[in-house]
Amino acid sequence: MKDKLTRNLGLKVMAVIFSAVLWMIAKDINDPVTDQRYYNVPVQLVNTGSITSQNKTYRVLDGTDSIRVTISAPESVVQNISKENIVAKADLSKVDENQSVPIEVTLNYLDSDVESIRTDKERLLLEIEERKSEQLRIEVESIGTLPEGYVTGRVSMDTNTISISGPESAVAPVRRAVVDIFMDGVTSDVNMQTQIRLLDEEGNEVNNANLKKNIESVKVTVPILKTKSLPVSYQVTGTPKEGYVLTGNVSCVPSSVMVAGKESVLEEVTQIDIPASELDVAEAEESVVRTVDIRKYLPSGVNLADENFSGNVTLTAEIEGIRRKTISLTESAIPVLNVPEGWNGEILQGQNLRVVVRGLQRDISGVTEATLQPHVNVSSILDADGNLTAGEQEIVVNFIVPENVQQEATVRATIRMTHIAAKE
């Protein structure tokens, strides 16, 4: 047996080798190596916390998170490999200074006959930015016009703020958050769920997939109210300092205010009353001006209708100092009235008679001797029996003083009464 096995050993070894080569050639001919392409293979991002933990955001650029994979392997092998067997990963902890990450591709299909795996992209490209958050007040924008005689009341929302976050470049352009309410022809309260729009500085809507909002919509309630113009009622209290008086000019600007409320409430309201304590002129030496917030005196259920009106009205009480004027009298021009028959009365000359009047400057400026019409009444110097005494005596000079003017002191003049003898 040993002799048989070792006889022609070289030929036998060559035969084995030749058979193996023939087997390999046959295999290549019947199962050739081929390339198989797999498109749109997703790249899994791992260790993303290495970026987000630094309060930064990332964005994949140029579609580099989707690759084309080419696998070289015998045809019988590639026929059994699907796209699901390809695992592509990018470890974000390996990001370099150019903000790119190597893409690693493996197969979860075990076969040693796979000759190579190639990809059309070797690196994942990123844009890394600081994360920014911002809170905005939600504004209500009315679109359209209410019918005449109606206004909107105080708008309420289930929340009046929105938080946005994302890359700094996405958050920075946003300036306002608004909800739109359509008001054309509306005469009753509005209740609706409304989408929130983000606007830039020019009022253009900002739509950016990288922006995150904590809410997308908000419930808005808008009361619709009737309007009515109400006069403002006011009073003055107190007395100016001695020597000063109220001129009588008291004003309120504006004198009426447009208010809004439910129709049933407005029917019961006729005016807005400001208490006298708001316009106190006690010890004042000049005009008193007070700014009053009229909102605190509006009846319950009534509000200001004009959103551009602050609610402040201006009360003014005009005060002036009392002025005095001295007017010289002409004795010969003073009439002597009610002289009894048989008597003659005349005002002695050279007495330097003067009368002092007081009042507001505008009231006393036109007062003259002529307007005062000085005169004396002889009846005032009759005795108890109605008799006159001849000779010189004092008599009160009377005046016709205009309204709003006062005479300071009594003016007395010397009159000479002469008895005239009866003619025979």
Protein backbone atom coordinates (compact mmCIF):
# COMPACT_ATOMS: atom_id res chain seq x y z
CA MET A 1 0.00 0.00 0.00
CA LYS A 2 2.80 2.35 0.85
CA ASP A 3 4.41 1.60 -2.43
CA LYS A 4 1.21 2.31 -4.25
CA LEU A 5 0.74 5.69 -2.48
CA THR A 6 4.26 6.91 -3.12
CA ARG A 7 4.54 5.69 -6.67
CA ASN A 8 4.46 8.64 -9.12
CA LEU A 9 4.03 11.07 -6.18
CA GLY A 10 4.99 14.10 -8.21
CA LEU A 11 2.40 13.40 -10.84
CA LYS A 12 -0.23 12.92 -8.19
CA VAL A 13 0.58 16.29 -6.51
CA MET A 14 0.51 18.04 -9.85
CA ALA A 15 -2.87 16.46 -10.55
CA VAL A 16 -4.29 17.81 -7.29
CA ILE A 17 -2.98 21.28 -8.01
CA PHE A 18 -4.28 21.17 -11.54
CA SER A 19 -7.70 20.08 -10.27
CA ALA A 20 -7.82 22.99 -7.82
CA VAL A 21 -6.92 25.45 -10.54
CA LEU A 22 -9.55 24.00 -12.81
CA TRP A 23 -12.10 24.30 -9.97
CA MET A 24 -11.23 27.98 -9.41
CA ILE A 25 -11.38 28.73 -13.14
CA ALA A 26 -14.70 27.02 -13.35
CA LYS A 27 -16.00 28.92 -10.37
CA ASP A 28 -14.94 32.30 -11.89
CA ILE A 29 -16.55 31.40 -15.13
CA ASN A 30 -19.82 30.32 -13.51
CA ASP A 31 -19.91 32.97 -10.62
CA PRO A 32 -18.00 36.06 -11.79
CA VAL A 33 -17.13 39.05 -9.49
CA THR A 34 -19.45 41.97 -10.17
CA ASP A 35 -20.14 45.54 -8.87
CA GLN A 36 -23.50 46.30 -7.33
CA ARG A 37 -24.55 49.91 -6.61
CA TYR A 38 -26.91 50.87 -3.78
CA TYR A 39 -28.40 54.37 -3.95
CA ASN A 40 -29.60 56.73 -1.22
CA VAL A 41 -28.10 54.81 1.63
CA PRO A 42 -28.78 56.87 4.79
CA VAL A 43 -25.88 57.82 7.00
CA GLN A 44 -26.61 57.36 10.69
CA LEU A 45 -25.37 60.16 12.94
CA VAL A 46 -23.96 58.89 16.22
CA ASN A 47 -22.60 60.69 19.29
CA THR A 48 -24.61 63.81 18.40
CA GLY A 49 -24.43 64.82 22.07
CA SER A 50 -20.77 65.72 21.58
CA ILE A 51 -22.08 68.81 19.75
CA THR A 52 -25.43 69.50 21.38
CA SER A 53 -23.97 69.25 24.89
CA GLN A 54 -21.96 72.39 24.07
CA ASN A 55 -25.20 74.33 23.39
CA LYS A 56 -24.55 74.13 19.67
CA THR A 57 -26.61 73.00 16.73
CA TYR A 58 -25.58 71.18 13.57
CA ARG A 59 -26.98 70.90 10.09
CA VAL A 60 -25.94 68.43 7.40
CA LEU A 61 -24.83 70.15 4.21
CA ASP A 62 -25.15 69.21 0.55
CA GLY A 63 -27.08 66.01 1.21
CA THR A 64 -23.96 64.29 2.53
CA ASP A 65 -26.09 62.16 4.88
CA SER A 66 -27.21 60.11 1.87
CA ILE A 67 -24.58 58.18 -0.08
CA ARG A 68 -24.15 55.76 -2.98
CA VAL A 69 -22.41 52.49 -2.06
CA THR A 70 -20.71 50.14 -4.56
CA ILE A 71 -19.97 46.56 -3.46
CA SER A 72 -17.63 44.28 -5.40
CA ALA A 73 -18.31 40.55 -4.81
CA PRO A 74 -19.23 37.40 -6.69
CA GLU A 75 -22.57 37.58 -8.30
CA SER A 76 -24.01 34.94 -6.03
CA VAL A 77 -23.03 37.05 -3.05
CA VAL A 78 -24.27 40.45 -4.17
CA GLN A 79 -27.60 38.93 -5.06
CA ASN A 80 -28.12 38.29 -1.39
CA ILE A 81 -27.06 41.77 -0.20
CA SER A 82 -29.79 44.44 0.10
CA LYS A 83 -29.56 48.11 1.03
CA GLU A 84 -30.70 47.18 4.52
CA ASN A 85 -27.49 45.15 4.95
CA ILE A 86 -25.39 48.29 4.52
CA VAL A 87 -24.65 50.27 7.68
CA ALA A 88 -23.26 53.80 7.15
CA LYS A 89 -22.33 55.82 10.21
CA ALA A 90 -20.79 59.21 10.97
CA ASP A 91 -19.41 59.66 14.47
CA LEU A 92 -19.91 63.38 15.27
CA SER A 93 -17.36 63.18 18.06
CA LYS A 94 -14.76 62.93 15.27
CA VAL A 95 -15.68 66.24 13.63
CA ASP A 96 -12.60 68.07 12.37
CA GLU A 97 -11.77 71.76 12.12
CA ASN A 98 -13.45 71.92 8.73
CA GLN A 99 -16.68 70.66 10.30
CA SER A 100 -16.59 67.35 8.45
CA VAL A 101 -16.89 63.78 9.76
CA PRO A 102 -15.59 60.53 8.17
CA ILE A 103 -18.29 58.16 6.94
CA GLU A 104 -17.75 54.53 7.91
CA VAL A 105 -19.55 51.80 5.96
CA THR A 106 -19.93 48.17 7.08
CA LEU A 107 -22.09 45.18 6.15
CA ASN A 108 -24.21 43.23 8.56
CA TYR A 109 -23.97 40.42 6.02
CA LEU A 110 -21.11 38.03 6.75
CA ASP A 111 -19.36 36.77 3.67
CA SER A 112 -15.62 36.65 3.15
CA ASP A 113 -16.03 36.80 -0.60
CA VAL A 114 -16.85 40.55 -0.59
CA GLU A 115 -13.83 42.11 -2.25
CA SER A 116 -14.48 45.85 -1.64
CA ILE A 117 -16.97 48.49 -0.49
CA ARG A 118 -16.74 51.95 -2.06
CA THR A 119 -18.79 55.15 -1.53
CA ASP A 120 -19.31 58.29 -3.56
CA LYS A 121 -18.78 60.45 -0.41
CA GLU A 122 -16.15 59.84 2.19
CA ARG A 123 -17.07 62.62 4.64
CA LEU A 124 -20.24 64.09 6.09
CA LEU A 125 -20.27 67.90 5.88
CA LEU A 126 -21.77 69.91 8.74
CA GLU A 127 -22.63 73.48 9.60
CA ILE A 128 -22.20 73.95 13.35
CA GLU A 129 -23.57 77.04 15.09
CA GLU A 130 -24.27 78.32 18.54
CA ARG A 131 -27.79 77.46 19.71
CA LYS A 132 -29.93 80.52 20.41
CA SER A 133 -33.26 80.78 22.21
CA GLU A 134 -35.60 83.72 22.30
CA GLN A 135 -38.99 84.53 23.79
CA LEU A 136 -41.37 86.76 21.84
CA ARG A 137 -44.61 88.45 22.79
CA ILE A 138 -47.44 87.28 20.55
CA GLU A 139 -49.11 90.20 18.78
CA VAL A 140 -52.62 90.24 17.35
CA GLU A 141 -53.00 91.77 13.90
CA SER A 142 -56.54 92.71 12.86
CA ILE A 143 -57.29 92.29 9.19
CA GLY A 144 -60.32 94.10 7.83
CA THR A 145 -62.63 96.71 9.37
CA LEU A 146 -65.41 96.40 11.91
CA PRO A 147 -68.78 97.99 11.10
CA GLU A 148 -69.16 101.62 12.21
CA GLY A 149 -69.97 101.93 15.90
CA TYR A 150 -68.03 98.81 16.93
CA VAL A 151 -64.54 98.35 18.31
CA THR A 152 -62.54 95.47 19.68
CA GLY A 153 -62.21 95.03 23.42
CA ARG A 154 -59.19 93.73 25.28
CA VAL A 155 -57.82 90.73 23.43
CA SER A 156 -56.99 87.66 25.50
CA MET A 157 -54.99 84.52 24.63
CA ASP A 158 -54.37 81.27 26.46
CA THR A 159 -50.70 82.34 26.35
CA ASN A 160 -49.17 85.57 25.11
CA THR A 161 -45.58 84.44 24.55
CA ILE A 162 -43.80 81.96 22.31
CA SER A 163 -40.31 80.50 22.67
CA ILE A 164 -38.22 79.82 19.59
CA SER A 165 -34.84 78.11 19.38
CA GLY A 166 -32.39 76.89 16.80
CA PRO A 167 -29.18 77.91 15.08
CA GLU A 168 -28.26 81.53 15.62
CA SER A 169 -28.57 82.23 11.88
CA ALA A 170 -32.14 80.92 11.92
CA VAL A 171 -33.28 82.71 15.08
CA ALA A 172 -31.62 86.09 14.44
CA PRO A 173 -33.92 87.29 11.60
CA VAL A 174 -37.09 86.75 13.65
CA ARG A 175 -38.41 90.00 15.15
CA ARG A 176 -42.11 89.41 15.80
CA ALA A 177 -44.65 86.68 16.42
CA VAL A 178 -48.20 87.45 15.23
CA VAL A 179 -51.62 85.89 14.88
CA ASP A 180 -54.12 87.19 12.32
CA ILE A 181 -57.75 87.92 13.17
CA PHE A 182 -60.16 88.72 10.34
CA MET A 183 -62.63 91.45 11.40
CA ASP A 184 -64.62 92.39 8.28
CA GLY A 185 -68.30 92.70 9.18
CA VAL A 186 -67.87 91.14 12.65
CA THR A 187 -70.42 92.26 15.27
CA SER A 188 -70.05 89.53 17.92
CA ASP A 189 -67.18 88.19 20.02
CA VAL A 190 -64.48 86.23 18.21
CA ASN A 191 -63.10 82.95 19.60
CA MET A 192 -60.66 80.99 17.46
CA GLN A 193 -57.50 78.86 17.40
CA THR A 194 -54.98 80.67 15.23
CA GLN A 195 -51.59 79.70 13.78
CA ILE A 196 -48.62 81.79 14.94
CA ARG A 197 -46.54 83.41 12.21
CA LEU A 198 -42.92 84.54 12.65
CA LEU A 199 -41.92 87.75 10.87
CA ASP A 200 -38.63 89.49 10.13
CA GLU A 201 -37.89 93.19 10.45
CA GLU A 202 -39.59 94.00 7.12
CA GLY A 203 -42.70 92.02 8.03
CA ASN A 204 -41.86 89.07 5.80
CA GLU A 205 -42.77 85.64 7.11
CA VAL A 206 -39.84 83.51 8.29
CA ASN A 207 -40.15 79.83 7.40
CA ASN A 208 -37.10 77.85 8.46
CA ALA A 209 -37.17 74.13 9.18
CA ASN A 210 -34.36 74.59 11.70
CA LEU A 211 -36.50 76.85 13.88
CA LYS A 212 -38.19 75.10 16.76
CA LYS A 213 -41.32 76.61 18.38
CA ASN A 214 -42.71 75.54 21.72
CA ILE A 215 -46.26 76.13 20.37
CA GLU A 216 -47.68 76.32 16.86
CA SER A 217 -51.01 78.02 17.55
CA VAL A 218 -52.86 79.93 20.24
CA LYS A 219 -56.51 80.41 21.21
CA VAL A 220 -57.56 84.06 20.79
CA THR A 221 -60.66 85.74 22.24
CA VAL A 222 -61.63 89.19 20.95
CA PRO A 223 -64.64 90.96 22.54
CA ILE A 224 -66.63 93.11 20.09
CA LEU A 225 -68.03 96.24 21.79
CA LYS A 226 -70.36 99.13 20.95
CA THR A 227 -69.07 102.70 21.16
CA LYS A 228 -70.53 105.89 22.63
CA SER A 229 -69.30 109.46 23.15
CA LEU A 230 -69.67 110.61 26.77
CA PRO A 231 -69.24 114.19 28.06
CA VAL A 232 -66.83 114.74 30.94
CA SER A 233 -68.36 116.33 34.04
CA TYR A 234 -66.05 118.17 36.46
CA GLN A 235 -66.14 120.62 39.38
CA VAL A 236 -63.81 122.94 41.29
CA THR A 237 -63.21 122.96 45.02
CA GLY A 238 -61.27 125.31 47.32
CA THR A 239 -60.69 129.07 47.47
CA PRO A 240 -57.67 130.81 45.93
CA LYS A 241 -55.27 132.76 48.08
CA GLU A 242 -56.44 136.18 49.25
CA GLY A 243 -56.07 138.66 46.45
CA TYR A 244 -56.75 136.04 43.77
CA VAL A 245 -60.00 134.82 42.26
CA LEU A 246 -61.34 132.23 39.86
CA THR A 247 -62.04 133.91 36.56
CA GLY A 248 -64.87 131.51 35.83
CA ASN A 249 -62.97 129.87 33.00
CA VAL A 250 -62.80 126.18 33.86
CA SER A 251 -62.19 123.69 31.07
CA CYS A 252 -61.54 120.04 30.31
CA VAL A 253 -59.62 118.87 27.24
CA PRO A 254 -60.95 116.75 25.68
CA SER A 255 -64.45 117.63 26.83
CA SER A 256 -65.87 114.28 25.73
CA VAL A 257 -64.45 110.77 25.46
CA MET A 258 -65.33 107.88 23.17
CA VAL A 259 -65.94 104.75 25.22
CA ALA A 260 -66.83 101.15 24.47
CA GLY A 261 -68.81 98.46 26.24
CA LYS A 262 -71.66 96.08 25.92
CA GLU A 263 -74.75 97.82 24.54
CA SER A 264 -76.78 97.06 27.66
CA VAL A 265 -74.15 98.76 29.84
CA LEU A 266 -73.74 101.85 27.67
CA GLU A 267 -77.47 102.54 27.71
CA GLU A 268 -77.24 103.30 31.44
CA VAL A 269 -74.26 105.68 31.21
CA THR A 270 -74.75 109.38 30.36
CA GLN A 271 -71.47 111.05 31.44
CA ILE A 272 -68.11 110.54 33.10
CA ASP A 273 -67.91 112.23 36.51
CA ILE A 274 -64.60 113.57 37.80
CA PRO A 275 -64.79 114.46 41.51
CA ALA A 276 -64.08 118.04 42.60
CA SER A 277 -61.08 116.84 44.61
CA GLU A 278 -59.17 116.44 41.34
CA LEU A 279 -59.32 120.23 40.78
CA ASP A 280 -58.55 121.83 44.14
CA VAL A 281 -57.62 125.55 43.89
CA ALA A 282 -57.14 126.18 47.61
CA GLU A 283 -54.53 128.93 48.22
CA ALA A 284 -53.65 129.03 44.53
CA GLU A 285 -51.94 132.14 43.15
CA GLU A 286 -52.07 131.12 39.50
CA SER A 287 -54.14 128.99 37.18
CA VAL A 288 -54.40 125.38 38.30
CA VAL A 289 -53.82 122.65 35.69
CA ARG A 290 -54.36 119.00 36.54
CA THR A 291 -53.87 115.89 34.38
CA VAL A 292 -56.40 113.24 35.31
CA ASP A 293 -56.43 109.61 34.17
CA ILE A 294 -60.09 109.30 33.38
CA ARG A 295 -59.94 105.52 33.18
CA LYS A 296 -60.29 105.23 36.95
CA TYR A 297 -63.65 107.04 36.75
CA LEU A 298 -65.13 104.92 33.98
CA PRO A 299 -68.18 102.92 35.07
CA SER A 300 -67.78 99.17 35.45
CA GLY A 301 -67.86 97.39 32.10
CA VAL A 302 -66.87 100.54 30.16
CA ASN A 303 -63.47 101.05 28.55
CA LEU A 304 -61.84 103.59 26.27
CA ALA A 305 -62.70 103.01 22.63
CA ASP A 306 -59.68 104.70 21.05
CA GLU A 307 -56.54 102.63 21.54
CA ASN A 308 -54.42 105.68 20.67
CA PHE A 309 -55.93 107.74 23.53
CA SER A 310 -53.93 107.49 26.76
CA GLY A 311 -56.94 108.23 28.96
CA ASN A 312 -55.51 111.49 30.30
CA VAL A 313 -57.68 114.62 30.29
CA THR A 314 -56.46 118.08 31.27
CA LEU A 315 -58.50 120.16 33.73
CA THR A 316 -57.75 123.89 33.94
CA ALA A 317 -59.12 126.43 36.42
CA GLU A 318 -58.09 129.96 35.47
CA ILE A 319 -57.03 132.13 38.41
CA GLU A 320 -55.93 135.75 38.30
CA GLY A 321 -54.84 138.28 40.81
CA ILE A 322 -57.35 141.00 41.73
CA ARG A 323 -56.38 144.35 40.18
CA ARG A 324 -57.29 147.85 41.42
CA LYS A 325 -57.91 151.01 39.50
CA THR A 326 -58.22 154.58 40.83
CA ILE A 327 -60.47 156.92 38.89
CA SER A 328 -60.49 160.67 39.47
CA LEU A 329 -63.87 162.36 39.59
CA THR A 330 -64.82 165.77 38.22
CA GLU A 331 -66.89 167.55 40.84
CA SER A 332 -68.79 169.64 38.37
CA ALA A 333 -69.79 166.52 36.45
CA ILE A 334 -71.44 164.84 39.43
CA PRO A 335 -75.25 165.27 39.19
CA VAL A 336 -77.15 166.24 42.36
CA LEU A 337 -80.41 164.35 42.41
CA ASN A 338 -83.70 164.75 44.34
CA VAL A 339 -83.11 168.39 45.41
CA PRO A 340 -86.27 169.64 47.20
CA GLU A 341 -88.09 172.62 45.77
CA GLY A 342 -86.64 175.89 47.08
CA TRP A 343 -83.20 174.48 47.54
CA ASN A 344 -80.01 174.48 45.54
CA GLY A 345 -77.22 171.93 45.92
CA GLU A 346 -73.75 171.96 44.43
CA ILE A 347 -70.58 169.85 44.92
CA LEU A 348 -67.74 172.03 46.06
CA GLN A 349 -64.82 172.20 43.67
CA GLY A 350 -61.21 171.20 44.41
CA GLN A 351 -61.98 168.17 46.59
CA ASN A 352 -59.73 165.79 44.58
CA LEU A 353 -62.34 163.09 44.67
CA ARG A 354 -61.29 159.52 43.68
CA VAL A 355 -62.96 156.15 43.55
CA VAL A 356 -61.08 152.84 43.67
CA VAL A 357 -62.53 149.79 41.90
CA ARG A 358 -61.21 146.24 41.88
CA GLY A 359 -61.65 143.14 39.74
CA LEU A 360 -59.97 141.18 37.00
CA GLN A 361 -57.86 143.19 34.65
CA ARG A 362 -60.14 142.53 31.72
CA ASP A 363 -63.14 143.74 33.73
CA ILE A 364 -61.67 146.98 35.15
CA SER A 365 -59.65 148.04 32.13
CA GLY A 366 -62.67 149.68 30.48
CA VAL A 367 -64.06 151.31 33.63
CA THR A 368 -64.04 155.13 33.48
CA GLU A 369 -65.79 158.00 35.23
CA ALA A 370 -68.38 157.94 32.49
CA THR A 371 -69.15 154.25 32.88
CA LEU A 372 -69.44 154.62 36.67
CA GLN A 373 -71.93 157.52 36.32
CA PRO A 374 -71.15 159.17 39.72
CA HIS A 375 -74.09 161.01 41.37
CA VAL A 376 -75.35 162.15 44.78
CA ASN A 377 -78.84 161.83 46.22
CA VAL A 378 -79.95 164.70 48.45
CA SER A 379 -82.58 162.42 49.97
CA SER A 380 -79.74 160.71 51.83
CA ILE A 381 -79.02 163.82 53.94
CA LEU A 382 -82.56 164.65 55.04
CA ASP A 383 -83.13 164.54 58.77
CA ALA A 384 -85.65 162.32 60.43
CA ASP A 385 -88.39 164.82 59.74
CA GLY A 386 -87.43 165.07 56.09
CA ASN A 387 -85.87 168.52 56.45
CA LEU A 388 -82.64 169.81 54.96
CA THR A 389 -79.98 171.78 56.73
CA ALA A 390 -78.45 174.65 54.83
CA GLY A 391 -74.69 174.86 54.49
CA GLU A 392 -71.86 172.50 53.73
CA GLN A 393 -72.12 168.84 54.66
CA GLU A 394 -70.88 165.41 53.56
CA ILE A 395 -72.83 163.30 51.13
CA VAL A 396 -72.12 159.83 49.73
CA VAL A 397 -71.25 159.66 46.05
CA ASN A 398 -73.06 156.79 44.38
CA PHE A 399 -71.89 154.83 41.29
CA ILE A 400 -73.30 152.38 38.81
CA VAL A 401 -70.62 149.67 39.03
CA PRO A 402 -70.35 147.20 36.13
CA GLU A 403 -70.81 143.46 36.73
CA ASN A 404 -67.73 141.66 38.10
CA VAL A 405 -66.31 144.98 39.39
CA GLN A 406 -66.39 146.04 43.04
CA GLN A 407 -66.06 149.47 44.60
CA GLU A 408 -63.31 149.49 47.23
CA ALA A 409 -64.52 152.15 49.65
CA THR A 410 -67.29 154.68 50.10
CA VAL A 411 -66.59 158.03 48.45
CA ARG A 412 -67.85 161.10 50.30
CA ALA A 413 -68.02 164.60 48.91
CA THR A 414 -68.82 167.99 50.42
CA ILE A 415 -72.05 169.52 49.16
CA ARG A 416 -73.34 173.03 49.84
CA MET A 417 -77.06 173.23 50.27
CA THR A 418 -78.57 176.70 49.85
CA HIS A 419 -82.13 177.73 50.61
CA ILE A 420 -83.55 179.86 47.84
CA ALA A 421 -85.87 182.62 49.01
CA ALA A 422 -89.30 182.52 47.43
CA LYS A 423 -89.98 185.35 44.93
CA GLU A 424 -92.73 187.84 45.82
